[in-house]
């Protein structure tokens, strides 16, 4: 008879109310620092757990230059100076 204890353990982890699902999942991000003409001047690949933390980090790195922050294939943040740029 097959043992399902491994599956039971995974199910317990998945439905544990004290487990923070954000901490458990890592995402790939790209921070794009842009020139004034909206062309990419620098691209930084980084892994993280929080969109908000990646946006804060991008702002810190960019030092007031226009930026975009992408989580995998979705643009999650564009600075005001890049709003006219098509995704």
N, C-alpha and C. Protein backbone atom coordinates (compact mmCIF):
# COMPACT_ATOMS: atom_id res chain seq x y z
N UNK A 1 0.84 -1.17 0.00
CA UNK A 1 0.00 0.00 0.00
C UNK A 1 0.90 1.25 0.00
N UNK A 2 0.55 2.23 -0.79
CA UNK A 2 1.34 3.46 -0.92
C UNK A 2 1.16 4.35 0.30
N UNK A 3 2.24 5.01 0.67
CA UNK A 3 2.19 5.95 1.79
C UNK A 3 1.94 7.36 1.27
N UNK A 4 1.03 8.07 1.90
CA UNK A 4 0.70 9.42 1.50
C UNK A 4 1.14 10.45 2.54
N UNK A 5 2.04 10.06 3.43
CA UNK A 5 2.45 10.98 4.49
C UNK A 5 3.12 12.23 3.91
N UNK A 6 3.84 12.09 2.81
CA UNK A 6 4.45 13.26 2.18
C UNK A 6 3.39 14.22 1.68
N UNK A 7 2.33 13.69 1.08
CA UNK A 7 1.23 14.53 0.60
C UNK A 7 0.49 15.16 1.76
N UNK A 8 0.31 14.40 2.85
CA UNK A 8 -0.35 14.94 4.03
C UNK A 8 0.44 16.12 4.60
N UNK A 9 1.75 15.98 4.62
CA UNK A 9 2.61 17.05 5.12
C UNK A 9 2.48 18.30 4.25
N UNK A 10 2.45 18.11 2.93
CA UNK A 10 2.28 19.25 2.02
C UNK A 10 0.92 19.91 2.23
N UNK A 11 -0.11 19.11 2.43
CA UNK A 11 -1.44 19.65 2.65
C UNK A 11 -1.50 20.44 3.95
N UNK A 12 -0.84 19.94 4.99
CA UNK A 12 -0.81 20.67 6.26
C UNK A 12 -0.10 22.00 6.10
N UNK A 13 1.00 22.03 5.36
CA UNK A 13 1.71 23.29 5.12
C UNK A 13 0.85 24.26 4.32
N UNK A 14 0.13 23.74 3.33
CA UNK A 14 -0.67 24.59 2.46
C UNK A 14 -1.85 25.22 3.19
N UNK A 15 -2.41 24.51 4.16
CA UNK A 15 -3.60 25.00 4.85
C UNK A 15 -3.32 25.46 6.27
N UNK A 16 -2.08 25.66 6.60
CA UNK A 16 -1.70 26.14 7.93
C UNK A 16 -2.03 27.63 8.03
N UNK A 17 -2.96 28.03 8.91
CA UNK A 17 -3.35 29.43 8.99
C UNK A 17 -2.24 30.35 9.51
N UNK A 18 -1.23 29.82 10.17
CA UNK A 18 -0.15 30.66 10.68
C UNK A 18 0.94 30.86 9.64
N UNK A 19 0.89 30.12 8.56
CA UNK A 19 1.90 30.22 7.50
C UNK A 19 1.61 31.45 6.65
N UNK A 20 2.59 32.27 6.42
CA UNK A 20 2.43 33.45 5.57
C UNK A 20 2.78 33.06 4.14
N UNK A 21 1.80 33.00 3.23
CA UNK A 21 2.07 32.55 1.86
C UNK A 21 3.00 33.48 1.10
N UNK A 22 3.04 34.75 1.45
CA UNK A 22 3.93 35.69 0.77
C UNK A 22 5.38 35.35 1.05
N UNK A 23 5.68 34.97 2.29
CA UNK A 23 7.04 34.61 2.64
C UNK A 23 7.49 33.33 1.93
N UNK A 24 6.56 32.49 1.60
CA UNK A 24 6.90 31.20 1.02
C UNK A 24 7.15 31.27 -0.48
N UNK A 25 6.67 32.33 -1.15
CA UNK A 25 6.82 32.37 -2.60
C UNK A 25 7.78 33.46 -3.02
N UNK A 26 8.72 33.09 -3.85
CA UNK A 26 9.69 34.04 -4.39
C UNK A 26 9.31 34.33 -5.83
N UNK A 27 9.51 35.58 -6.23
CA UNK A 27 9.20 35.99 -7.60
C UNK A 27 10.45 36.58 -8.23
N UNK A 28 10.52 36.49 -9.55
CA UNK A 28 11.59 37.13 -10.30
C UNK A 28 11.13 38.53 -10.68
N UNK A 29 11.98 39.51 -10.41
CA UNK A 29 11.68 40.90 -10.72
C UNK A 29 12.75 41.46 -11.63
N UNK A 30 12.37 42.47 -12.40
CA UNK A 30 13.32 43.29 -13.15
C UNK A 30 13.08 44.73 -12.76
N UNK A 31 14.16 45.40 -12.43
CA UNK A 31 14.12 46.84 -12.20
C UNK A 31 14.73 47.47 -13.44
N UNK A 32 13.97 48.29 -14.11
CA UNK A 32 14.45 48.97 -15.32
C UNK A 32 14.62 50.45 -15.01
N UNK A 33 15.85 50.90 -15.05
CA UNK A 33 16.14 52.33 -14.90
C UNK A 33 16.16 52.91 -16.31
N UNK A 34 15.38 53.95 -16.51
CA UNK A 34 15.16 54.47 -17.85
C UNK A 34 15.86 55.80 -18.08
N UNK A 35 16.17 56.05 -19.34
CA UNK A 35 16.64 57.36 -19.76
C UNK A 35 15.43 58.28 -19.90
N UNK A 36 15.67 59.55 -20.13
CA UNK A 36 14.57 60.50 -20.30
C UNK A 36 13.71 60.16 -21.52
N UNK A 37 14.27 59.49 -22.52
CA UNK A 37 13.51 59.11 -23.72
C UNK A 37 12.82 57.75 -23.54
N UNK A 38 12.76 57.25 -22.33
CA UNK A 38 12.11 55.99 -21.94
C UNK A 38 12.83 54.73 -22.43
N UNK A 39 14.02 54.86 -22.96
CA UNK A 39 14.83 53.69 -23.32
C UNK A 39 15.50 53.16 -22.05
N UNK A 40 15.71 51.86 -22.00
CA UNK A 40 16.32 51.24 -20.82
C UNK A 40 17.80 51.61 -20.74
N UNK A 41 18.18 52.22 -19.62
CA UNK A 41 19.58 52.56 -19.36
C UNK A 41 20.27 51.45 -18.57
N UNK A 42 19.52 50.80 -17.69
CA UNK A 42 20.06 49.70 -16.87
C UNK A 42 18.95 48.74 -16.53
N UNK A 43 19.29 47.47 -16.47
CA UNK A 43 18.33 46.43 -16.13
C UNK A 43 18.92 45.60 -15.00
N UNK A 44 18.17 45.49 -13.92
CA UNK A 44 18.64 44.74 -12.76
C UNK A 44 17.68 43.60 -12.51
N UNK A 45 18.16 42.37 -12.52
CA UNK A 45 17.34 41.19 -12.21
C UNK A 45 17.52 40.87 -10.74
N UNK A 46 16.41 40.65 -10.05
CA UNK A 46 16.45 40.41 -8.61
C UNK A 46 15.30 39.47 -8.24
N UNK A 47 15.45 38.72 -7.17
CA UNK A 47 14.41 37.84 -6.67
C UNK A 47 13.93 38.37 -5.33
N UNK A 48 12.62 38.34 -5.14
CA UNK A 48 12.07 38.83 -3.88
C UNK A 48 10.70 38.27 -3.60
N UNK A 49 10.16 38.63 -2.43
CA UNK A 49 8.87 38.10 -2.00
C UNK A 49 7.77 39.15 -2.00
N UNK A 50 8.12 40.44 -2.16
CA UNK A 50 7.12 41.48 -1.99
C UNK A 50 7.24 42.54 -3.08
N UNK A 51 6.13 42.83 -3.75
CA UNK A 51 6.12 43.89 -4.75
C UNK A 51 6.53 45.22 -4.12
N UNK A 52 5.97 45.52 -2.97
CA UNK A 52 6.26 46.79 -2.30
C UNK A 52 7.74 46.94 -1.97
N UNK A 53 8.36 45.88 -1.51
CA UNK A 53 9.78 45.92 -1.19
C UNK A 53 10.62 46.14 -2.45
N UNK A 54 10.24 45.52 -3.54
CA UNK A 54 10.99 45.68 -4.80
C UNK A 54 10.83 47.11 -5.35
N UNK A 55 9.65 47.68 -5.20
CA UNK A 55 9.43 49.06 -5.66
C UNK A 55 10.27 50.02 -4.82
N UNK A 56 10.29 49.83 -3.50
CA UNK A 56 11.14 50.66 -2.63
C UNK A 56 12.61 50.53 -3.02
N UNK A 57 13.05 49.31 -3.26
CA UNK A 57 14.45 49.07 -3.65
C UNK A 57 14.77 49.73 -4.99
N UNK A 58 13.84 49.63 -5.93
CA UNK A 58 14.05 50.25 -7.24
C UNK A 58 14.19 51.77 -7.11
N UNK A 59 13.34 52.38 -6.30
CA UNK A 59 13.42 53.84 -6.08
C UNK A 59 14.75 54.22 -5.45
N UNK A 60 15.20 53.40 -4.50
CA UNK A 60 16.48 53.68 -3.82
C UNK A 60 17.64 53.59 -4.83
N UNK A 61 17.63 52.55 -5.64
CA UNK A 61 18.72 52.36 -6.61
C UNK A 61 18.70 53.43 -7.69
N UNK A 62 17.51 53.78 -8.16
CA UNK A 62 17.38 54.70 -9.30
C UNK A 62 17.71 56.15 -8.94
N UNK A 63 17.61 56.50 -7.67
CA UNK A 63 17.94 57.86 -7.23
C UNK A 63 17.24 58.92 -8.07
N UNK A 64 15.91 58.85 -8.12
CA UNK A 64 15.06 59.84 -8.78
C UNK A 64 15.07 59.76 -10.31
N UNK A 65 15.67 58.74 -10.87
CA UNK A 65 15.55 58.53 -12.33
C UNK A 65 14.26 57.76 -12.60
N UNK A 66 13.71 57.87 -13.80
CA UNK A 66 12.48 57.13 -14.10
C UNK A 66 12.73 55.62 -14.08
N UNK A 67 11.74 54.88 -13.57
CA UNK A 67 11.90 53.43 -13.43
C UNK A 67 10.62 52.69 -13.80
N UNK A 68 10.81 51.41 -14.07
CA UNK A 68 9.73 50.44 -14.15
C UNK A 68 10.16 49.23 -13.32
N UNK A 69 9.19 48.62 -12.66
CA UNK A 69 9.45 47.38 -11.93
C UNK A 69 8.51 46.32 -12.50
N UNK A 70 9.10 45.21 -12.92
CA UNK A 70 8.35 44.10 -13.51
C UNK A 70 8.46 42.88 -12.61
N UNK A 71 7.30 42.25 -12.33
CA UNK A 71 7.27 40.94 -11.68
C UNK A 71 6.98 39.94 -12.77
N UNK A 72 8.01 39.19 -13.11
CA UNK A 72 7.95 38.24 -14.22
C UNK A 72 7.52 38.98 -15.48
N UNK A 73 6.32 38.79 -16.02
CA UNK A 73 5.96 39.48 -17.27
C UNK A 73 4.98 40.63 -17.06
N UNK A 74 4.71 41.00 -15.81
CA UNK A 74 3.75 42.05 -15.51
C UNK A 74 4.45 43.29 -14.95
N UNK A 75 4.20 44.43 -15.56
CA UNK A 75 4.72 45.69 -15.03
C UNK A 75 3.89 46.06 -13.82
N UNK A 76 4.52 46.11 -12.64
CA UNK A 76 3.78 46.39 -11.41
C UNK A 76 3.96 47.83 -10.94
N UNK A 77 4.93 48.55 -11.53
CA UNK A 77 5.13 49.94 -11.14
C UNK A 77 5.81 50.70 -12.26
N UNK A 78 5.33 51.90 -12.50
CA UNK A 78 5.97 52.84 -13.42
C UNK A 78 6.03 54.18 -12.73
N UNK A 79 7.19 54.80 -12.72
CA UNK A 79 7.26 56.14 -12.14
C UNK A 79 6.47 57.10 -13.02
N UNK A 80 6.04 58.21 -12.45
CA UNK A 80 5.17 59.16 -13.15
C UNK A 80 5.78 59.64 -14.46
N UNK A 81 7.08 59.76 -14.53
CA UNK A 81 7.73 60.26 -15.75
C UNK A 81 7.72 59.24 -16.88
N UNK A 82 7.26 58.01 -16.62
CA UNK A 82 7.23 57.00 -17.68
C UNK A 82 5.81 56.61 -18.06
N UNK A 83 4.82 57.29 -17.54
CA UNK A 83 3.42 56.90 -17.76
C UNK A 83 3.02 56.89 -19.24
N UNK A 84 3.66 57.70 -20.06
CA UNK A 84 3.31 57.75 -21.47
C UNK A 84 3.86 56.58 -22.27
N UNK A 85 4.80 55.83 -21.68
CA UNK A 85 5.47 54.73 -22.36
C UNK A 85 4.54 53.53 -22.45
N UNK A 86 4.46 52.92 -23.60
CA UNK A 86 3.66 51.70 -23.79
C UNK A 86 4.35 50.53 -23.13
N UNK A 87 3.59 49.62 -22.56
CA UNK A 87 4.16 48.44 -21.89
C UNK A 87 4.66 47.44 -22.90
